[in-house]
Amino acid sequence: MATPGACSTLIPDSWRQGVPGAPLPVGGVVGDWIAFADAQTGQLDKANGRTADTLAIIERCEARDRAAVKRTG
């Protein structure tokens, strides 16, 4: 018998905390702000990647569970 809710246990607990934003620069140096924008974009890419990875993990887990149920039935 498949364990209900077991798929969510495959997602790393640390992902529940979210992805922090890049630290804001101090001062008005344009280069520092450009570096911040680049770093912030990297953090957004990481967050979006986690969302896609989470959905893929759960979909594969659910497919695995469905196949197991079919094999036993």
Protein backbone atom coordinates (compact mmCIF):
# COMPACT_ATOMS: atom_id res chain seq x y z
CA MET A 1 0.00 0.00 0.00
CA ALA A 2 1.28 3.48 -0.87
CA THR A 3 2.05 5.85 1.97
CA PRO A 4 -0.18 8.94 1.67
CA GLY A 5 1.72 12.21 1.62
CA ALA A 6 5.13 10.55 1.32
CA CYS A 7 6.05 12.56 -1.78
CA SER A 8 6.36 15.82 0.10
CA THR A 9 9.02 14.29 2.35
CA LEU A 10 11.34 14.23 -0.66
CA ILE A 11 11.51 18.04 -0.77
CA PRO A 12 14.45 19.41 1.28
CA ASP A 13 13.33 21.02 4.55
CA SER A 14 15.66 23.96 3.92
CA TRP A 15 13.53 24.92 0.90
CA ARG A 16 10.67 25.81 3.27
CA GLN A 17 12.70 28.86 4.31
CA GLY A 18 12.70 30.30 0.81
CA VAL A 19 15.55 31.95 -1.03
CA PRO A 20 16.80 35.17 0.56
CA GLY A 21 17.21 38.27 -1.53
CA ALA A 22 20.65 39.60 -2.32
CA PRO A 23 21.99 42.11 0.22
CA LEU A 24 21.38 45.73 -0.70
CA PRO A 25 24.51 47.76 -1.41
CA VAL A 26 25.49 50.58 0.88
CA GLY A 27 25.92 53.94 -0.80
CA GLY A 28 25.31 55.16 -4.30
CA VAL A 29 28.09 53.59 -6.36
CA VAL A 30 26.48 52.56 -9.64
CA GLY A 31 28.69 49.47 -10.01
CA ASP A 32 27.57 48.21 -6.62
CA TRP A 33 23.93 48.53 -7.67
CA ILE A 34 24.62 46.73 -10.93
CA ALA A 35 26.28 43.90 -8.98
CA PHE A 36 23.27 43.82 -6.64
CA ALA A 37 20.84 43.54 -9.56
CA ASP A 38 22.87 40.68 -11.01
CA ALA A 39 22.98 38.90 -7.63
CA GLN A 40 19.25 39.44 -7.09
CA THR A 41 18.52 37.92 -10.50
CA GLY A 42 20.63 34.91 -9.51
CA GLN A 43 18.59 34.48 -6.33
CA LEU A 44 15.35 34.69 -8.32
CA ASP A 45 16.67 32.06 -10.74
CA LYS A 46 17.46 29.82 -7.76
CA ALA A 47 13.96 30.29 -6.30
CA ASN A 48 12.26 29.59 -9.62
CA GLY A 49 14.45 26.51 -10.07
CA ARG A 50 13.35 25.17 -6.69
CA THR A 51 9.71 25.55 -7.70
CA ALA A 52 10.25 23.63 -10.93
CA ASP A 53 12.34 20.98 -9.17
CA THR A 54 9.73 20.54 -6.42
CA LEU A 55 6.94 20.03 -8.92
CA ALA A 56 9.05 17.54 -10.90
CA ILE A 57 9.95 15.57 -7.75
CA ILE A 58 6.33 15.33 -6.65
CA GLU A 59 5.13 14.37 -10.16
CA ARG A 60 7.73 11.57 -10.40
CA CYS A 61 6.87 10.39 -6.90
CA GLU A 62 3.16 10.28 -7.68
CA ALA A 63 3.83 8.41 -10.94
CA ARG A 64 5.99 5.91 -9.06
CA ASP A 65 3.23 5.39 -6.49
CA ARG A 66 0.58 4.92 -9.19
CA ALA A 67 2.76 2.34 -10.93
CA ALA A 68 3.31 0.49 -7.65
CA VAL A 69 -0.44 0.37 -6.98
CA LYS A 70 -1.06 -0.98 -10.51
CA ARG A 71 1.56 -3.70 -10.02
CA THR A 72 -0.07 -4.86 -6.79
CA GLY A 73 -3.63 -4.72 -8.09
